C-alpha cells in the first residue's frame, strides 16, 4: 500500500530486520494471500446492516443502505470472533497439500509454526519510535514543541547540558533532534538523542495532558 512507501518505514525496516517489497499495482495475482483475505473480509462486512457495498455502481441499485449499527469497538470484536471461529476453521482449497484438497487455515498455520522459528514481535513503543511520523525539532528549557503541543522530560536536561549540544547551538544555530510520534496518540513523542544513541520518551506537559490523551493528528488539526 502507498501508506507503507515512505522513508520512515524503510529506516525502521533496517532496525527491525524486515524487508519491504514493492509489488506492481493492479496485478493482484502477485499478492494472492492478501487479496484473498481482503475479499473474505469484504464478503463478511457486506452482510452487515449499514454496508456501503464495494463500489458506487453496486450502491446505485441498492436502495436499503441503513444507518451504521455498530460502534468501532463492537465491529472489531465481531471481526475477531469471525476470524477465530469461522474463517480460520473453514477448509480452503488453496491451502491443501494437494490440488483440490481443502484445508483449514488454522491447520496450515500450525504446520508452519513447526518449521519456522519466529522471533518475538518488537515492543510497540520501539516500533513507533522507529517508524512513526517524523519531524526535526529544537530542545528548549520547556521541552520540545510539535504542532503547538509541548512535551518534556527531566532527561532533556542531559541534552541541554551536553558539550556537543552547546557547541552546535553556538556555531551553527539551534541543534535539532529527530522526533517520532504515533499519529493516533499525541500524548507522547520519542526523541532520538544522537549524542548518546538513545531514544527518550517525552510525555505531554500537564497543561495539554487531558486534551492530547488518545488524540489523533487528524483530530488535532481539525481542532
Protein backbone atom coordinates (compact mmCIF):
# COMPACT_ATOMS: atom_id res chain seq x y z
CA UNK A 1 0.00 0.00 0.00
CA UNK A 2 1.04 3.61 -0.57
CA UNK A 3 0.94 4.26 3.16
CA UNK A 4 3.95 1.94 3.54
CA UNK A 5 6.05 3.57 0.81
CA UNK A 6 7.83 6.11 2.98
CA UNK A 7 11.25 6.79 4.40
CA UNK A 8 10.18 6.25 7.99
CA UNK A 9 9.22 2.63 7.45
CA UNK A 10 12.24 1.98 5.24
CA UNK A 11 14.50 3.16 8.07
CA UNK A 12 12.58 1.05 10.58
CA UNK A 13 12.95 -2.00 8.33
CA UNK A 14 16.72 -1.88 8.79
CA UNK A 15 16.46 -1.61 12.56
CA UNK A 16 13.75 -4.24 13.00
CA UNK A 17 15.05 -6.71 10.43
CA UNK A 18 12.27 -6.95 7.85
CA UNK A 19 12.19 -6.29 4.11
CA UNK A 20 9.89 -4.01 2.14
CA UNK A 21 8.94 -5.43 -1.26
CA UNK A 22 7.26 -3.16 -3.81
CA UNK A 23 4.70 -5.02 -5.91
CA UNK A 24 3.28 -3.71 -9.20
CA UNK A 25 -0.15 -2.03 -8.96
CA UNK A 26 -3.31 -3.55 -10.46
CA UNK A 27 -1.78 -7.04 -10.56
CA UNK A 28 -3.48 -8.84 -7.66
CA UNK A 29 -2.12 -12.25 -8.63
CA UNK A 30 1.26 -11.20 -7.16
CA UNK A 31 -0.26 -10.93 -3.69
CA UNK A 32 -2.89 -13.64 -3.62
CA UNK A 33 -2.96 -14.35 0.15
CA UNK A 34 -3.57 -10.68 0.93
CA UNK A 35 -6.15 -10.16 -1.82
CA UNK A 36 -7.93 -13.39 -0.88
CA UNK A 37 -8.18 -12.37 2.76
CA UNK A 38 -9.40 -8.87 1.89
CA UNK A 39 -12.06 -10.42 -0.32
CA UNK A 40 -13.20 -12.61 2.56
CA UNK A 41 -13.35 -9.61 4.89
CA UNK A 42 -15.43 -7.71 2.32
CA UNK A 43 -17.83 -10.63 1.94
CA UNK A 44 -18.25 -10.70 5.72
CA UNK A 45 -18.74 -6.94 6.03
CA UNK A 46 -21.32 -6.69 3.24
CA UNK A 47 -23.64 -8.96 5.19
CA UNK A 48 -23.90 -6.41 7.98
CA UNK A 49 -26.58 -3.71 8.05
CA UNK A 50 -25.24 -0.34 7.01
CA UNK A 51 -22.86 -1.71 4.37
CA UNK A 52 -21.95 0.68 1.57
CA UNK A 53 -21.01 -2.26 -0.69
CA UNK A 54 -17.83 -2.37 -2.75
CA UNK A 55 -18.33 0.49 -5.21
CA UNK A 56 -20.71 3.19 -6.40
CA UNK A 57 -22.08 1.04 -9.21
CA UNK A 58 -23.36 -1.56 -6.74
CA UNK A 59 -24.77 1.14 -4.45
CA UNK A 60 -26.77 2.64 -7.32
CA UNK A 61 -29.08 -0.37 -7.39
CA UNK A 62 -29.11 -0.87 -3.63
CA UNK A 63 -31.95 1.04 -2.01
CA UNK A 64 -31.68 -0.21 1.56
CA UNK A 65 -28.48 1.38 2.82
CA UNK A 66 -29.07 1.51 6.57
CA UNK A 67 -27.56 3.74 9.20
CA UNK A 68 -24.44 2.34 10.93
CA UNK A 69 -25.46 -0.07 13.69
CA UNK A 70 -22.09 -0.93 15.30
CA UNK A 71 -19.53 1.10 17.17
CA UNK A 72 -15.91 0.70 16.09
CA UNK A 73 -15.08 -1.45 19.13
CA UNK A 74 -18.14 -3.67 18.53
CA UNK A 75 -17.15 -4.09 14.88
CA UNK A 76 -13.59 -5.04 15.88
CA UNK A 77 -14.83 -7.62 18.38
CA UNK A 78 -17.20 -9.10 15.80
CA UNK A 79 -14.44 -9.36 13.18
CA UNK A 80 -12.07 -11.06 15.64
CA UNK A 81 -14.74 -13.56 16.62
CA UNK A 82 -15.48 -14.28 12.94
CA UNK A 83 -11.80 -14.82 12.13
CA UNK A 84 -11.26 -17.18 15.07
CA UNK A 85 -14.47 -19.19 14.93
CA UNK A 86 -15.33 -19.16 11.22
CA UNK A 87 -12.59 -18.08 8.83
CA UNK A 88 -9.66 -19.91 10.45
CA UNK A 89 -11.67 -23.15 10.72
CA UNK A 90 -13.34 -23.19 7.30
CA UNK A 91 -11.50 -25.52 4.85
CA UNK A 92 -9.89 -23.69 1.92
CA UNK A 93 -8.92 -25.47 -1.31
CA UNK A 94 -5.93 -23.11 -1.80
CA UNK A 95 -4.20 -24.33 1.37
CA UNK A 96 -4.23 -28.08 0.80
CA UNK A 97 -1.07 -30.09 0.28
CA UNK A 98 -2.53 -31.43 -2.98
CA UNK A 99 -4.56 -29.59 -5.66
CA UNK A 100 -8.25 -29.54 -4.82
CA UNK A 101 -7.75 -30.81 -1.26
CA UNK A 102 -9.32 -28.41 1.21
CA UNK A 103 -7.58 -27.41 4.40
CA UNK A 104 -8.44 -25.10 7.27
CA UNK A 105 -6.18 -22.02 7.69
CA UNK A 106 -5.60 -22.81 11.37
CA UNK A 107 -4.19 -26.25 10.46
CA UNK A 108 -1.88 -24.75 7.81
CA UNK A 109 -0.72 -22.17 10.35
CA UNK A 110 0.11 -24.80 12.98
CA UNK A 111 2.17 -26.79 10.49
CA UNK A 112 4.18 -23.71 9.55
CA UNK A 113 4.90 -22.99 13.21
CA UNK A 114 6.80 -26.27 13.38
CA UNK A 115 9.08 -25.21 10.53
CA UNK A 116 9.71 -21.53 11.21
CA UNK A 117 11.47 -20.00 14.19
CA UNK A 118 9.52 -16.78 14.58
CA UNK A 119 11.25 -14.12 16.70
CA UNK A 120 9.22 -12.16 19.20
CA UNK A 121 7.49 -9.07 17.87
CA UNK A 122 9.18 -5.78 18.73
CA UNK A 123 7.81 -3.74 21.58
CA UNK A 124 5.06 -1.42 20.24
CA UNK A 125 6.84 1.56 21.75
CA UNK A 126 10.02 0.66 19.84
CA UNK A 127 8.13 0.29 16.58
CA UNK A 128 6.54 3.74 16.97
CA UNK A 129 9.90 5.23 17.92
CA UNK A 130 11.42 3.83 14.73
CA UNK A 131 8.60 4.17 12.20
CA UNK A 132 6.19 6.83 13.49
CA UNK A 133 5.63 10.24 11.96
CA UNK A 134 8.93 12.15 11.92
CA UNK A 135 9.93 15.78 12.45
CA UNK A 136 13.07 17.69 13.42
CA UNK A 137 12.74 19.96 16.46
CA UNK A 138 14.93 22.02 18.79
CA UNK A 139 15.18 21.30 22.52
CA UNK A 140 14.34 24.23 24.77
CA UNK A 141 14.26 24.60 28.56
CA UNK A 142 10.49 23.99 28.48
CA UNK A 143 10.94 20.86 26.31
CA UNK A 144 10.07 20.39 22.67
CA UNK A 145 7.04 21.63 20.76
CA UNK A 146 5.26 19.94 17.87
CA UNK A 147 2.04 21.27 16.36
CA UNK A 148 1.69 23.71 19.28
CA UNK A 149 1.77 20.90 21.87
CA UNK A 150 4.70 20.78 24.29
CA UNK A 151 6.49 17.69 25.62
CA UNK A 152 9.04 17.46 28.41
CA UNK A 153 11.03 15.02 30.50
CA UNK A 154 13.79 15.58 33.07
CA UNK A 155 16.09 13.61 30.74
CA UNK A 156 16.15 16.60 28.39
CA UNK A 157 18.38 18.37 30.90
CA UNK A 158 21.18 15.97 29.97
CA UNK A 159 20.86 17.01 26.33
CA UNK A 160 20.87 20.72 27.14
CA UNK A 161 24.00 20.27 29.24
CA UNK A 162 25.84 18.10 26.71
CA UNK A 163 29.01 19.80 25.34
CA UNK A 164 28.20 18.85 21.72
CA UNK A 165 24.71 20.32 22.04
CA UNK A 166 26.10 23.61 23.34
CA UNK A 167 28.83 23.68 20.69
CA UNK A 168 26.33 23.09 17.87
CA UNK A 169 23.99 25.79 19.18
CA UNK A 170 26.80 28.33 19.47
CA UNK A 171 28.29 27.77 16.00
CA UNK A 172 25.56 26.89 13.53
CA UNK A 173 22.29 27.79 15.21
CA UNK A 174 19.96 25.72 17.42
CA UNK A 175 20.70 21.99 17.43
CA UNK A 176 17.82 19.89 16.10
CA UNK A 177 16.76 16.41 17.12
CA UNK A 178 14.61 13.82 15.43
CA UNK A 179 11.17 13.30 16.94
CA UNK A 180 8.75 10.46 16.25
CA UNK A 181 5.11 10.18 17.25
CA UNK A 182 2.17 7.84 16.89
CA UNK A 183 -0.28 9.73 14.60
CA UNK A 184 -3.14 8.19 16.59
CA UNK A 185 -1.95 9.27 20.05
CA UNK A 186 -0.40 12.68 20.68
CA UNK A 187 0.08 12.13 24.42
CA UNK A 188 3.81 11.46 23.94
CA UNK A 189 6.64 11.64 21.44
CA UNK A 190 10.01 9.91 21.11
CA UNK A 191 13.23 11.89 20.76
CA UNK A 192 16.40 10.37 19.32
CA UNK A 193 19.40 11.66 21.24
CA UNK A 194 22.19 11.24 18.70
CA UNK A 195 24.81 12.22 21.29
CA UNK A 196 24.16 9.04 23.29
CA UNK A 197 22.46 6.96 20.55
CA UNK A 198 19.33 6.53 22.65
CA UNK A 199 15.57 7.08 22.35
CA UNK A 200 13.89 9.20 25.03
CA UNK A 201 10.15 9.12 25.63
CA UNK A 202 8.68 12.58 26.21
CA UNK A 203 5.18 12.78 27.70
CA UNK A 204 2.97 15.78 27.01
CA UNK A 205 3.23 18.52 29.63
CA UNK A 206 0.49 18.76 32.25
CA UNK A 207 -1.27 21.65 30.52
CA UNK A 208 -2.09 19.51 27.47
CA UNK A 209 -2.49 16.09 29.14
CA UNK A 210 -6.27 15.88 29.14
CA UNK A 211 -6.52 17.26 25.61
CA UNK A 212 -3.83 15.09 23.99
CA UNK A 213 -4.66 11.71 25.57
CA UNK A 214 -5.72 9.41 22.71
CA UNK A 215 -5.91 12.36 20.30
CA UNK A 216 -5.01 11.73 16.66
CA UNK A 217 -3.12 14.09 14.38
CA UNK A 218 -6.22 14.47 12.20
CA UNK A 219 -8.41 15.39 15.18
CA UNK A 220 -5.83 17.88 16.41
CA UNK A 221 -5.57 19.58 13.03
CA UNK A 222 -9.34 19.80 12.78
CA UNK A 223 -9.42 21.43 16.24
